[in-house]
N, C-alpha and C. Protein backbone atom coordinates (compact mmCIF):
# COMPACT_ATOMS: atom_id res chain seq x y z
N MET A 1 12.36 11.21 18.43
CA MET A 1 11.78 9.90 18.53
C MET A 1 12.48 8.85 17.74
N THR A 2 12.72 7.69 18.39
CA THR A 2 13.46 6.64 17.69
C THR A 2 12.47 5.71 16.97
N PHE A 3 12.87 5.46 15.69
CA PHE A 3 12.07 4.59 14.92
C PHE A 3 12.48 3.10 15.16
N LYS A 4 11.76 2.43 16.05
CA LYS A 4 12.08 1.09 16.44
C LYS A 4 11.87 0.09 15.23
N LYS A 5 12.82 -0.65 14.83
CA LYS A 5 12.74 -1.55 13.67
C LYS A 5 12.85 -2.98 14.04
N THR A 6 12.93 -3.30 15.32
CA THR A 6 12.98 -4.73 15.71
C THR A 6 12.06 -4.90 16.86
N GLY A 7 11.54 -6.12 17.09
CA GLY A 7 10.68 -6.46 18.20
C GLY A 7 9.25 -6.15 17.82
N LEU A 8 8.26 -6.46 18.69
CA LEU A 8 6.85 -6.41 18.41
C LEU A 8 6.39 -4.96 18.14
N ASP A 9 6.98 -4.00 18.73
CA ASP A 9 6.55 -2.63 18.56
C ASP A 9 6.85 -2.15 17.19
N SER A 10 7.77 -2.77 16.36
CA SER A 10 8.02 -2.44 15.01
C SER A 10 6.98 -2.98 14.03
N MET A 11 6.13 -3.83 14.57
CA MET A 11 5.15 -4.44 13.59
C MET A 11 3.99 -3.52 13.39
N LEU A 12 3.37 -3.66 12.21
CA LEU A 12 2.15 -2.92 11.91
C LEU A 12 0.95 -3.64 12.46
N THR A 13 -0.02 -2.87 12.93
CA THR A 13 -1.29 -3.46 13.37
C THR A 13 -2.43 -2.55 12.78
N PRO A 14 -3.65 -3.09 12.74
CA PRO A 14 -4.72 -2.23 12.30
C PRO A 14 -4.94 -0.98 13.05
N ASP A 15 -4.43 -0.95 14.27
CA ASP A 15 -4.66 0.29 15.05
C ASP A 15 -3.55 1.28 15.13
N ASN A 16 -2.41 0.95 14.50
CA ASN A 16 -1.17 1.88 14.66
C ASN A 16 -0.77 2.46 13.36
N CYS A 17 -1.40 2.14 12.21
CA CYS A 17 -0.87 2.68 11.03
C CYS A 17 -1.93 3.30 10.09
N ALA A 18 -1.48 4.08 9.07
CA ALA A 18 -2.31 4.64 8.15
C ALA A 18 -1.66 4.44 6.74
N LEU A 19 -2.45 4.36 5.72
CA LEU A 19 -1.96 4.11 4.36
C LEU A 19 -2.18 5.22 3.45
N ILE A 20 -1.14 5.57 2.69
CA ILE A 20 -1.19 6.73 1.73
C ILE A 20 -0.86 6.15 0.38
N LEU A 21 -1.81 6.23 -0.61
CA LEU A 21 -1.66 5.66 -1.95
C LEU A 21 -1.54 6.81 -2.93
N ILE A 22 -0.45 7.00 -3.66
CA ILE A 22 -0.13 8.16 -4.39
C ILE A 22 -0.02 7.93 -5.96
N ASP A 23 -0.82 8.65 -6.69
CA ASP A 23 -0.55 8.76 -8.16
C ASP A 23 -0.77 7.46 -8.92
N HIS A 24 -1.70 6.62 -8.54
CA HIS A 24 -1.95 5.46 -9.39
C HIS A 24 -2.86 5.76 -10.49
N GLN A 25 -2.26 6.45 -11.52
CA GLN A 25 -3.00 7.02 -12.53
C GLN A 25 -2.40 6.59 -13.90
N PRO A 26 -3.21 6.75 -14.99
CA PRO A 26 -2.80 6.15 -16.28
C PRO A 26 -1.46 6.74 -16.82
N PHE A 27 -1.19 8.07 -16.66
CA PHE A 27 0.03 8.67 -17.14
C PHE A 27 1.18 7.95 -16.47
N GLN A 28 1.20 7.93 -15.14
CA GLN A 28 2.19 7.33 -14.39
C GLN A 28 2.48 5.84 -14.70
N ALA A 29 1.35 5.21 -14.81
CA ALA A 29 1.44 3.73 -15.12
C ALA A 29 2.00 3.45 -16.45
N ASN A 30 1.73 4.31 -17.39
CA ASN A 30 2.21 4.19 -18.77
C ASN A 30 3.86 4.26 -18.82
N GLY A 31 4.40 4.86 -17.81
CA GLY A 31 5.81 4.96 -17.74
C GLY A 31 6.47 3.90 -17.00
N LEU A 32 5.79 2.94 -16.44
CA LEU A 32 6.38 1.83 -15.72
C LEU A 32 7.15 0.89 -16.53
N LYS A 33 8.40 0.63 -16.12
CA LYS A 33 9.22 -0.27 -16.78
C LYS A 33 9.93 -1.43 -16.03
N ASN A 34 9.70 -1.38 -14.62
CA ASN A 34 10.24 -2.36 -13.90
C ASN A 34 9.33 -3.54 -13.51
N THR A 35 8.01 -3.36 -13.82
CA THR A 35 7.03 -4.34 -13.51
C THR A 35 5.95 -4.25 -14.59
N ASP A 36 5.00 -5.31 -14.51
CA ASP A 36 3.90 -5.30 -15.41
C ASP A 36 2.80 -4.42 -14.73
N VAL A 37 2.18 -3.61 -15.52
CA VAL A 37 1.20 -2.68 -15.00
C VAL A 37 0.05 -3.46 -14.30
N ASN A 38 -0.34 -4.48 -14.95
CA ASN A 38 -1.55 -5.21 -14.42
C ASN A 38 -1.16 -5.80 -13.11
N LEU A 39 0.11 -6.30 -12.91
CA LEU A 39 0.50 -6.86 -11.68
C LEU A 39 0.56 -5.84 -10.56
N MET A 40 1.03 -4.65 -10.89
CA MET A 40 1.13 -3.54 -9.94
C MET A 40 -0.22 -3.10 -9.54
N LEU A 41 -1.23 -3.10 -10.55
CA LEU A 41 -2.59 -2.65 -10.19
C LEU A 41 -3.25 -3.69 -9.36
N ASN A 42 -3.06 -4.90 -9.66
CA ASN A 42 -3.61 -6.06 -8.82
C ASN A 42 -3.13 -5.84 -7.36
N ASN A 43 -1.88 -5.54 -7.24
CA ASN A 43 -1.30 -5.43 -5.82
C ASN A 43 -1.84 -4.18 -5.10
N VAL A 44 -1.93 -3.03 -5.79
CA VAL A 44 -2.37 -1.85 -5.12
C VAL A 44 -3.90 -1.97 -4.80
N VAL A 45 -4.63 -2.63 -5.57
CA VAL A 45 -6.02 -2.87 -5.22
C VAL A 45 -6.15 -3.78 -4.02
N ALA A 46 -5.29 -4.85 -4.04
CA ALA A 46 -5.28 -5.71 -2.91
C ALA A 46 -4.88 -5.00 -1.60
N LEU A 47 -3.96 -4.10 -1.71
CA LEU A 47 -3.47 -3.28 -0.60
C LEU A 47 -4.60 -2.35 -0.10
N GLY A 48 -5.44 -1.73 -0.99
CA GLY A 48 -6.48 -0.98 -0.62
C GLY A 48 -7.62 -1.76 0.11
N LYS A 49 -7.89 -3.00 -0.46
CA LYS A 49 -8.89 -3.91 0.18
C LYS A 49 -8.49 -4.29 1.56
N THR A 50 -7.13 -4.53 1.69
CA THR A 50 -6.60 -4.97 3.06
C THR A 50 -6.79 -3.93 4.05
N ALA A 51 -6.47 -2.68 3.67
CA ALA A 51 -6.68 -1.47 4.53
C ALA A 51 -8.18 -1.33 4.90
N LYS A 52 -9.03 -1.51 3.91
CA LYS A 52 -10.42 -1.34 4.13
C LYS A 52 -10.94 -2.43 5.02
N ALA A 53 -10.44 -3.69 4.86
CA ALA A 53 -10.97 -4.85 5.65
C ALA A 53 -10.54 -4.61 7.16
N PHE A 54 -9.37 -4.01 7.36
CA PHE A 54 -8.85 -3.89 8.80
C PHE A 54 -9.14 -2.46 9.28
N ASN A 55 -9.91 -1.69 8.66
CA ASN A 55 -10.18 -0.34 9.11
C ASN A 55 -9.00 0.56 9.30
N VAL A 56 -8.00 0.40 8.37
CA VAL A 56 -6.81 1.34 8.41
C VAL A 56 -7.16 2.55 7.59
N PRO A 57 -7.01 3.70 8.24
CA PRO A 57 -7.17 5.00 7.39
C PRO A 57 -6.42 4.99 6.22
N THR A 58 -7.09 5.35 5.11
CA THR A 58 -6.36 5.36 3.85
C THR A 58 -6.68 6.64 3.08
N LEU A 59 -5.54 7.23 2.56
CA LEU A 59 -5.67 8.43 1.67
C LEU A 59 -5.33 8.11 0.25
N LEU A 60 -6.19 8.55 -0.63
CA LEU A 60 -5.95 8.46 -2.09
C LEU A 60 -5.51 9.89 -2.52
N THR A 61 -4.43 9.98 -3.34
CA THR A 61 -4.12 11.30 -3.78
C THR A 61 -3.52 11.14 -5.26
N SER A 62 -3.83 12.06 -6.04
CA SER A 62 -3.43 12.11 -7.50
C SER A 62 -2.60 13.47 -7.73
N VAL A 63 -1.96 13.54 -8.85
CA VAL A 63 -1.27 14.73 -9.15
C VAL A 63 -1.76 15.20 -10.66
N LEU A 64 -2.23 16.39 -10.73
CA LEU A 64 -2.72 16.96 -11.95
C LEU A 64 -3.58 15.93 -12.78
N LYS A 65 -4.71 15.60 -12.15
CA LYS A 65 -5.51 14.50 -12.78
C LYS A 65 -6.08 14.89 -14.09
N ASP A 66 -6.23 16.24 -14.38
CA ASP A 66 -6.82 16.66 -15.64
C ASP A 66 -5.86 16.43 -16.80
N ARG A 67 -4.56 16.16 -16.47
CA ARG A 67 -3.60 15.78 -17.49
C ARG A 67 -3.16 14.30 -17.37
N GLY A 68 -3.00 13.79 -16.19
CA GLY A 68 -2.52 12.49 -15.96
C GLY A 68 -3.51 11.39 -15.84
N GLY A 69 -4.85 11.90 -15.74
CA GLY A 69 -5.97 10.93 -15.63
C GLY A 69 -6.32 10.70 -14.23
N ASP A 70 -7.60 10.30 -13.97
CA ASP A 70 -8.10 9.99 -12.64
C ASP A 70 -7.37 8.65 -12.18
N ILE A 71 -7.35 8.50 -10.82
CA ILE A 71 -6.91 7.27 -10.21
C ILE A 71 -7.67 6.16 -10.81
N PHE A 72 -7.00 4.94 -11.01
CA PHE A 72 -7.76 3.81 -11.61
C PHE A 72 -8.92 3.54 -10.85
N LYS A 73 -10.00 3.24 -11.62
CA LYS A 73 -11.34 3.01 -11.03
C LYS A 73 -11.43 1.76 -10.17
N SER A 74 -10.60 0.82 -10.41
CA SER A 74 -10.54 -0.40 -9.62
C SER A 74 -10.01 -0.15 -8.17
N LEU A 75 -9.29 0.91 -8.06
CA LEU A 75 -8.79 1.40 -6.71
C LEU A 75 -9.80 2.31 -6.09
N THR A 76 -10.27 3.27 -6.81
CA THR A 76 -11.32 4.22 -6.24
C THR A 76 -12.60 3.52 -5.84
N ASP A 77 -12.88 2.45 -6.54
CA ASP A 77 -14.02 1.68 -6.22
C ASP A 77 -13.96 1.01 -4.83
N VAL A 78 -12.77 0.90 -4.26
CA VAL A 78 -12.63 0.31 -2.90
C VAL A 78 -13.00 1.32 -1.88
N PHE A 79 -12.88 2.58 -2.29
CA PHE A 79 -13.14 3.70 -1.35
C PHE A 79 -14.16 4.65 -2.01
N PRO A 80 -15.42 4.23 -2.28
CA PRO A 80 -16.38 4.99 -2.94
C PRO A 80 -16.79 6.34 -2.21
N GLU A 81 -16.51 6.27 -0.99
CA GLU A 81 -16.89 7.41 -0.06
C GLU A 81 -15.83 8.55 -0.12
N GLN A 82 -14.69 8.30 -0.71
CA GLN A 82 -13.59 9.29 -0.67
C GLN A 82 -13.43 10.06 -1.96
N VAL A 83 -13.13 11.32 -1.77
CA VAL A 83 -12.75 12.15 -2.97
C VAL A 83 -11.27 12.33 -2.81
N PRO A 84 -10.48 11.76 -3.70
CA PRO A 84 -9.05 11.81 -3.67
C PRO A 84 -8.50 13.26 -3.63
N ILE A 85 -7.42 13.58 -2.99
CA ILE A 85 -6.85 14.88 -3.02
C ILE A 85 -5.98 15.02 -4.15
N ASP A 86 -6.30 15.98 -5.03
CA ASP A 86 -5.45 16.23 -6.31
C ASP A 86 -4.52 17.31 -6.07
N ARG A 87 -3.25 17.07 -6.36
CA ARG A 87 -2.13 17.96 -6.03
C ARG A 87 -1.49 18.59 -7.22
N THR A 88 -0.77 19.66 -6.94
CA THR A 88 0.24 20.14 -7.96
C THR A 88 1.71 19.77 -7.51
N PHE A 89 1.89 19.65 -6.15
CA PHE A 89 3.18 19.25 -5.68
C PHE A 89 3.56 17.79 -6.07
N ILE A 90 4.76 17.65 -6.59
CA ILE A 90 5.30 16.34 -6.92
C ILE A 90 5.43 15.59 -5.60
N ASN A 91 5.97 16.26 -4.59
CA ASN A 91 6.16 15.65 -3.31
C ASN A 91 4.87 15.80 -2.50
N THR A 92 4.15 14.71 -2.25
CA THR A 92 2.89 14.68 -1.50
C THR A 92 3.04 15.41 -0.17
N TRP A 93 4.13 15.29 0.45
CA TRP A 93 4.33 15.78 1.80
C TRP A 93 4.48 17.28 1.85
N GLU A 94 4.61 17.94 0.67
CA GLU A 94 4.62 19.37 0.63
C GLU A 94 3.16 19.96 0.51
N ASP A 95 2.22 19.10 0.31
CA ASP A 95 0.80 19.47 0.26
C ASP A 95 0.19 19.40 1.70
N SER A 96 -0.12 20.51 2.30
CA SER A 96 -0.56 20.62 3.61
C SER A 96 -1.81 19.74 3.91
N ARG A 97 -2.67 19.56 2.84
CA ARG A 97 -3.91 18.75 3.03
C ARG A 97 -3.57 17.26 3.32
N CYS A 98 -2.54 16.78 2.65
CA CYS A 98 -2.08 15.39 2.93
C CYS A 98 -1.39 15.27 4.33
N VAL A 99 -0.58 16.21 4.69
CA VAL A 99 0.09 16.21 5.97
C VAL A 99 -0.94 16.31 7.03
N ASP A 100 -1.96 17.14 6.85
CA ASP A 100 -2.97 17.36 7.86
C ASP A 100 -3.79 16.11 8.07
N TRP A 101 -4.04 15.45 6.89
CA TRP A 101 -4.81 14.16 6.93
C TRP A 101 -4.11 13.18 7.89
N ALA A 102 -2.82 12.97 7.55
CA ALA A 102 -1.94 12.06 8.39
C ALA A 102 -1.98 12.44 9.77
N ARG A 103 -1.76 13.69 10.06
CA ARG A 103 -1.72 14.16 11.51
C ARG A 103 -3.10 13.74 12.24
N LYS A 104 -4.21 14.03 11.50
CA LYS A 104 -5.56 13.80 12.10
C LYS A 104 -5.78 12.31 12.38
N THR A 105 -5.13 11.48 11.68
CA THR A 105 -5.40 9.99 11.95
C THR A 105 -4.83 9.57 13.31
N GLY A 106 -3.87 10.36 13.79
CA GLY A 106 -3.35 9.98 15.10
C GLY A 106 -2.35 8.78 15.03
N ARG A 107 -2.11 8.38 13.84
CA ARG A 107 -1.17 7.22 13.72
C ARG A 107 0.20 7.72 13.45
N ARG A 108 1.21 7.00 14.07
CA ARG A 108 2.59 7.35 13.90
C ARG A 108 3.35 6.53 12.90
N LYS A 109 2.73 5.43 12.42
CA LYS A 109 3.30 4.54 11.47
C LYS A 109 2.50 4.83 10.09
N LEU A 110 3.28 5.26 9.15
CA LEU A 110 2.67 5.53 7.81
C LEU A 110 3.24 4.57 6.74
N VAL A 111 2.28 4.04 5.87
CA VAL A 111 2.70 3.09 4.89
C VAL A 111 2.35 3.79 3.57
N PHE A 112 3.37 3.81 2.59
CA PHE A 112 3.13 4.45 1.38
C PHE A 112 3.25 3.53 0.20
N ALA A 113 2.58 3.77 -0.91
CA ALA A 113 2.85 3.20 -2.18
C ALA A 113 2.60 4.26 -3.24
N ALA A 114 3.33 4.18 -4.30
CA ALA A 114 3.14 5.31 -5.29
C ALA A 114 3.81 4.95 -6.66
N LEU A 115 3.35 5.74 -7.63
CA LEU A 115 4.02 5.75 -8.91
C LEU A 115 4.53 7.22 -9.13
N TRP A 116 5.74 7.43 -9.33
CA TRP A 116 6.89 6.38 -9.52
C TRP A 116 7.68 6.31 -8.27
N THR A 117 8.35 5.15 -8.04
CA THR A 117 9.04 4.77 -6.90
C THR A 117 10.18 5.89 -6.60
N GLU A 118 10.90 6.22 -7.59
CA GLU A 118 12.06 7.06 -7.46
C GLU A 118 11.78 8.48 -7.16
N VAL A 119 10.53 8.91 -7.40
CA VAL A 119 10.09 10.38 -7.29
C VAL A 119 8.97 10.50 -6.24
N CYS A 120 7.74 10.04 -6.76
CA CYS A 120 6.50 10.28 -5.99
C CYS A 120 6.39 9.42 -4.76
N LEU A 121 7.19 8.35 -4.67
CA LEU A 121 7.26 7.52 -3.49
C LEU A 121 8.37 7.99 -2.57
N ALA A 122 9.61 8.15 -3.17
CA ALA A 122 10.79 8.53 -2.42
C ALA A 122 10.70 9.84 -1.64
N PHE A 123 10.13 10.84 -2.33
CA PHE A 123 10.17 12.16 -1.86
C PHE A 123 9.31 12.23 -0.53
N PRO A 124 8.04 11.81 -0.55
CA PRO A 124 7.24 11.93 0.69
C PRO A 124 7.69 10.93 1.83
N VAL A 125 8.26 9.84 1.42
CA VAL A 125 8.82 8.87 2.38
C VAL A 125 9.94 9.55 3.22
N ILE A 126 10.88 10.12 2.42
CA ILE A 126 12.06 10.81 3.07
C ILE A 126 11.59 11.95 3.91
N HIS A 127 10.62 12.68 3.42
CA HIS A 127 10.14 13.90 4.08
C HIS A 127 9.46 13.56 5.34
N ALA A 128 8.58 12.56 5.30
CA ALA A 128 7.81 12.16 6.50
C ALA A 128 8.70 11.62 7.64
N LEU A 129 9.79 10.89 7.22
CA LEU A 129 10.79 10.46 8.23
C LEU A 129 11.29 11.60 9.03
N GLU A 130 11.53 12.79 8.42
CA GLU A 130 12.05 13.95 9.08
C GLU A 130 11.04 14.50 10.11
N ASP A 131 9.72 14.19 9.87
CA ASP A 131 8.67 14.60 10.80
C ASP A 131 8.43 13.50 11.86
N ASP A 132 9.33 12.62 12.08
CA ASP A 132 9.24 11.65 13.18
C ASP A 132 8.13 10.63 12.97
N TYR A 133 7.78 10.41 11.74
CA TYR A 133 6.88 9.24 11.55
C TYR A 133 7.68 7.97 11.36
N ASP A 134 7.18 6.81 11.70
CA ASP A 134 7.77 5.54 11.28
C ASP A 134 7.23 5.26 10.00
N VAL A 135 8.08 5.12 9.00
CA VAL A 135 7.60 5.08 7.57
C VAL A 135 7.93 3.75 6.91
N TYR A 136 7.00 3.14 6.24
CA TYR A 136 7.06 1.90 5.56
C TYR A 136 6.66 2.16 4.14
N PHE A 137 7.12 1.30 3.15
CA PHE A 137 6.63 1.51 1.87
C PHE A 137 6.51 0.12 1.15
N ILE A 138 5.49 0.13 0.15
CA ILE A 138 5.17 -1.18 -0.44
C ILE A 138 5.74 -1.23 -1.83
N THR A 139 6.75 -2.03 -2.00
CA THR A 139 7.43 -2.09 -3.30
C THR A 139 6.67 -2.61 -4.46
N ASP A 140 5.86 -3.59 -4.21
CA ASP A 140 5.17 -4.28 -5.39
C ASP A 140 3.82 -3.61 -5.68
N ALA A 141 3.50 -2.53 -4.94
CA ALA A 141 2.28 -1.75 -5.35
C ALA A 141 2.73 -0.35 -5.86
N SER A 142 4.09 -0.27 -6.08
CA SER A 142 4.71 0.89 -6.65
C SER A 142 5.43 0.49 -7.90
N GLY A 143 6.00 1.46 -8.56
CA GLY A 143 6.78 1.09 -9.77
C GLY A 143 7.58 2.31 -10.26
N GLY A 144 8.66 2.02 -11.01
CA GLY A 144 9.48 3.10 -11.50
C GLY A 144 9.65 3.14 -13.01
N THR A 145 10.39 4.08 -13.48
CA THR A 145 10.49 4.31 -14.94
C THR A 145 11.59 3.37 -15.56
N SER A 146 12.35 2.66 -14.69
CA SER A 146 13.24 1.61 -15.17
C SER A 146 13.49 0.69 -13.99
N ILE A 147 14.05 -0.48 -14.25
CA ILE A 147 14.49 -1.25 -13.16
C ILE A 147 15.50 -0.54 -12.25
N GLU A 148 16.41 0.10 -12.85
CA GLU A 148 17.46 0.88 -12.08
C GLU A 148 16.75 1.98 -11.23
N ALA A 149 15.87 2.72 -11.80
CA ALA A 149 15.17 3.80 -11.09
C ALA A 149 14.46 3.30 -9.91
N HIS A 150 13.66 2.18 -10.14
CA HIS A 150 12.91 1.63 -9.02
C HIS A 150 13.90 1.12 -7.92
N GLU A 151 14.88 0.43 -8.25
CA GLU A 151 15.88 -0.06 -7.26
C GLU A 151 16.60 1.07 -6.57
N MET A 152 17.10 2.10 -7.30
CA MET A 152 17.78 3.16 -6.60
C MET A 152 16.76 3.91 -5.68
N GLY A 153 15.49 4.01 -6.05
CA GLY A 153 14.50 4.69 -5.23
C GLY A 153 14.40 3.97 -3.92
N ILE A 154 14.33 2.57 -4.05
CA ILE A 154 14.23 1.77 -2.80
C ILE A 154 15.50 1.89 -1.92
N GLN A 155 16.66 1.84 -2.52
CA GLN A 155 17.92 1.94 -1.73
C GLN A 155 17.93 3.30 -1.01
N ARG A 156 17.49 4.38 -1.76
CA ARG A 156 17.56 5.67 -1.17
C ARG A 156 16.69 5.81 0.05
N MET A 157 15.40 5.23 -0.03
CA MET A 157 14.56 5.26 1.19
C MET A 157 15.01 4.35 2.20
N ILE A 158 15.60 3.20 2.03
CA ILE A 158 16.25 2.37 3.00
C ILE A 158 17.39 3.14 3.79
N GLN A 159 18.18 3.77 2.99
CA GLN A 159 19.33 4.52 3.61
C GLN A 159 18.86 5.68 4.44
N ALA A 160 17.66 6.21 4.10
CA ALA A 160 17.06 7.28 4.86
C ALA A 160 16.39 6.75 6.12
N GLY A 161 16.12 5.46 6.19
CA GLY A 161 15.47 4.79 7.48
C GLY A 161 14.19 4.25 7.32
N ALA A 162 13.57 4.18 6.05
CA ALA A 162 12.21 3.61 5.83
C ALA A 162 12.43 2.07 5.69
N VAL A 163 11.29 1.35 5.90
CA VAL A 163 11.24 -0.09 5.87
C VAL A 163 10.40 -0.53 4.65
N PRO A 164 11.02 -1.38 3.77
CA PRO A 164 10.32 -1.95 2.67
C PRO A 164 9.45 -3.13 2.97
N LEU A 165 8.24 -3.17 2.31
CA LEU A 165 7.30 -4.31 2.61
C LEU A 165 6.79 -4.68 1.19
N THR A 166 6.14 -5.83 1.09
CA THR A 166 5.27 -6.18 -0.11
C THR A 166 3.82 -6.27 0.36
N THR A 167 3.01 -6.34 -0.60
CA THR A 167 1.59 -6.35 -0.33
C THR A 167 1.13 -7.47 0.61
N ILE A 168 1.60 -8.71 0.31
CA ILE A 168 1.31 -9.82 1.11
C ILE A 168 1.82 -9.79 2.59
N VAL A 169 3.00 -9.04 2.75
CA VAL A 169 3.53 -8.89 4.06
C VAL A 169 2.56 -7.88 4.85
N PHE A 170 2.14 -6.86 4.19
CA PHE A 170 1.18 -5.90 4.80
C PHE A 170 -0.02 -6.60 5.34
N LEU A 171 -0.58 -7.44 4.43
CA LEU A 171 -1.72 -8.25 4.71
C LEU A 171 -1.55 -9.22 5.93
N SER A 172 -0.47 -9.88 5.89
CA SER A 172 -0.11 -10.91 6.87
C SER A 172 0.16 -10.17 8.23
N GLU A 173 0.80 -9.08 8.16
CA GLU A 173 1.15 -8.31 9.43
C GLU A 173 -0.12 -7.89 10.15
N LEU A 174 -1.04 -7.43 9.36
CA LEU A 174 -2.33 -6.93 9.99
C LEU A 174 -3.13 -8.13 10.52
N GLN A 175 -3.11 -9.38 9.82
CA GLN A 175 -3.87 -10.47 10.20
C GLN A 175 -3.17 -11.06 11.55
N ARG A 176 -1.98 -11.28 11.48
CA ARG A 176 -1.08 -11.72 12.55
C ARG A 176 -1.36 -13.04 13.22
N ASP A 177 -2.66 -13.24 13.53
CA ASP A 177 -3.11 -14.47 14.22
C ASP A 177 -4.30 -15.07 13.59
N TRP A 178 -4.06 -16.34 13.08
CA TRP A 178 -5.24 -17.05 12.47
C TRP A 178 -6.35 -17.37 13.32
N ALA A 179 -6.18 -17.15 14.65
CA ALA A 179 -7.26 -17.42 15.57
C ALA A 179 -8.37 -16.29 15.50
N ARG A 180 -7.97 -15.18 14.89
CA ARG A 180 -8.91 -14.07 14.67
C ARG A 180 -9.71 -14.46 13.40
N GLU A 181 -10.74 -15.25 13.65
CA GLU A 181 -11.44 -15.90 12.53
C GLU A 181 -12.21 -14.97 11.67
N ALA A 182 -12.78 -13.90 12.23
CA ALA A 182 -13.57 -12.93 11.46
C ALA A 182 -12.56 -12.16 10.48
N ASP A 183 -11.35 -11.80 10.94
CA ASP A 183 -10.39 -11.28 10.07
C ASP A 183 -9.83 -12.19 9.11
N ALA A 184 -9.62 -13.45 9.57
CA ALA A 184 -9.06 -14.48 8.66
C ALA A 184 -9.98 -14.72 7.35
N ALA A 185 -11.27 -14.60 7.59
CA ALA A 185 -12.18 -14.76 6.47
C ALA A 185 -11.93 -13.65 5.52
N LYS A 186 -11.85 -12.39 5.92
CA LYS A 186 -11.49 -11.29 5.03
C LYS A 186 -10.19 -11.48 4.32
N THR A 187 -9.12 -11.91 5.13
CA THR A 187 -7.79 -12.11 4.54
C THR A 187 -7.84 -13.19 3.39
N ALA A 188 -8.57 -14.32 3.63
CA ALA A 188 -8.73 -15.33 2.72
C ALA A 188 -9.34 -14.86 1.46
N ASP A 189 -10.33 -14.00 1.54
CA ASP A 189 -11.09 -13.41 0.46
C ASP A 189 -10.16 -12.55 -0.47
N ILE A 190 -9.40 -11.78 0.23
CA ILE A 190 -8.38 -10.87 -0.56
C ILE A 190 -7.38 -11.78 -1.28
N ILE A 191 -6.88 -12.80 -0.62
CA ILE A 191 -5.90 -13.78 -1.28
C ILE A 191 -6.59 -14.38 -2.50
N LEU A 192 -7.84 -14.87 -2.29
CA LEU A 192 -8.47 -15.60 -3.41
C LEU A 192 -8.69 -14.62 -4.59
N GLN A 193 -8.90 -13.35 -4.35
CA GLN A 193 -9.09 -12.37 -5.41
C GLN A 193 -7.73 -11.95 -6.10
N HIS A 194 -6.70 -11.90 -5.30
CA HIS A 194 -5.54 -11.16 -5.79
C HIS A 194 -4.16 -11.96 -5.55
N GLY A 195 -4.21 -13.11 -5.02
CA GLY A 195 -3.05 -13.83 -4.55
C GLY A 195 -2.30 -14.65 -5.56
N GLY A 196 -2.77 -14.66 -6.81
CA GLY A 196 -1.95 -15.47 -7.79
C GLY A 196 -1.86 -16.91 -7.49
N ALA A 197 -0.64 -17.35 -7.45
CA ALA A 197 -0.41 -18.79 -7.20
C ALA A 197 -0.83 -19.19 -5.79
N THR A 198 -0.76 -18.32 -4.89
CA THR A 198 -1.23 -18.49 -3.48
C THR A 198 -2.73 -18.67 -3.49
N ALA A 199 -3.40 -17.89 -4.30
CA ALA A 199 -4.81 -18.00 -4.46
C ALA A 199 -5.21 -19.41 -4.93
N THR A 200 -4.51 -19.86 -5.89
CA THR A 200 -4.70 -21.22 -6.48
C THR A 200 -4.61 -22.20 -5.40
N GLY A 201 -3.52 -22.18 -4.65
CA GLY A 201 -3.32 -23.17 -3.58
C GLY A 201 -4.38 -23.11 -2.48
N LEU A 202 -4.79 -21.82 -2.09
CA LEU A 202 -5.84 -21.69 -1.12
C LEU A 202 -7.16 -22.17 -1.57
N ALA A 203 -7.53 -21.90 -2.89
CA ALA A 203 -8.79 -22.47 -3.44
C ALA A 203 -8.81 -23.98 -3.41
N TRP A 204 -7.70 -24.61 -3.73
CA TRP A 204 -7.62 -26.08 -3.70
C TRP A 204 -7.75 -26.55 -2.28
N GLU A 205 -7.08 -25.87 -1.28
CA GLU A 205 -7.23 -26.29 0.08
C GLU A 205 -8.72 -26.14 0.52
N LEU A 206 -9.36 -25.06 0.25
CA LEU A 206 -10.78 -24.86 0.65
C LEU A 206 -11.68 -25.87 0.01
N GLN A 207 -11.38 -26.29 -1.27
CA GLN A 207 -12.18 -27.28 -1.94
C GLN A 207 -12.04 -28.61 -1.27
N LEU A 208 -10.85 -28.96 -0.85
CA LEU A 208 -10.54 -30.18 -0.15
C LEU A 208 -11.38 -30.23 1.28
N LEU A 209 -11.25 -29.11 1.94
CA LEU A 209 -11.88 -28.95 3.23
C LEU A 209 -13.44 -29.10 3.11
N ASN A 210 -13.99 -28.41 2.07
CA ASN A 210 -15.41 -28.48 1.90
C ASN A 210 -15.84 -29.95 1.45
N ALA A 211 -15.09 -30.58 0.73
CA ALA A 211 -15.27 -31.96 0.32
C ALA A 211 -15.31 -32.94 1.49
N SER A 212 -14.36 -32.71 2.39
CA SER A 212 -14.36 -33.52 3.57
C SER A 212 -15.48 -33.37 4.53
N LYS A 213 -16.01 -32.13 4.51
CA LYS A 213 -17.17 -31.81 5.44
C LYS A 213 -18.49 -32.49 4.83
N THR A 214 -18.50 -32.65 3.57
CA THR A 214 -19.69 -33.21 2.95
C THR A 214 -19.61 -34.74 2.78
N ALA A 215 -18.44 -35.31 3.04
CA ALA A 215 -18.21 -36.74 2.77
C ALA A 215 -19.04 -37.55 3.84
């Protein structure tokens, strides 16, 4: 199967992808050196909320949680109905429960984010490509043990054939058309909660819009 990376068929939609979030736990976060932990956590929660808003199947998985800690509560709170899969395998794609979950979604496009980029993200991304999935990964909801480790992990995945994205790109790609007003309201809400400078600009725009309606 050819992984098409140009044209409309290469784009993610709410109906063609699934999201796998790996090892967003205190031990792994403590080792981050390429980014601020709070920024990474903000992004991965926004990523989870985006998937939830657009009904994208999402898997949470941890590794040795009794030692590394539970997945951050701000992320698990987005999916209160889910019991994360706790693994011993460093490579998520070697755990048959995770592979079976992906297969049962029926989706051929998989989107990953993980701590750490160079290990817990790179390994399953490269492995899933061999199983003929179209694989994407979210760089700013992931993080490595150094700037070099993060960047080398990204390069390795790109060379293997995966496609890098950021959180706001994932959100925008699922929204796609502002005429979808019901989805646009959800998108705006996620941006207002997690969008940083973009949130500030949007809040100002909404304030001006509301003011004009009441004038």
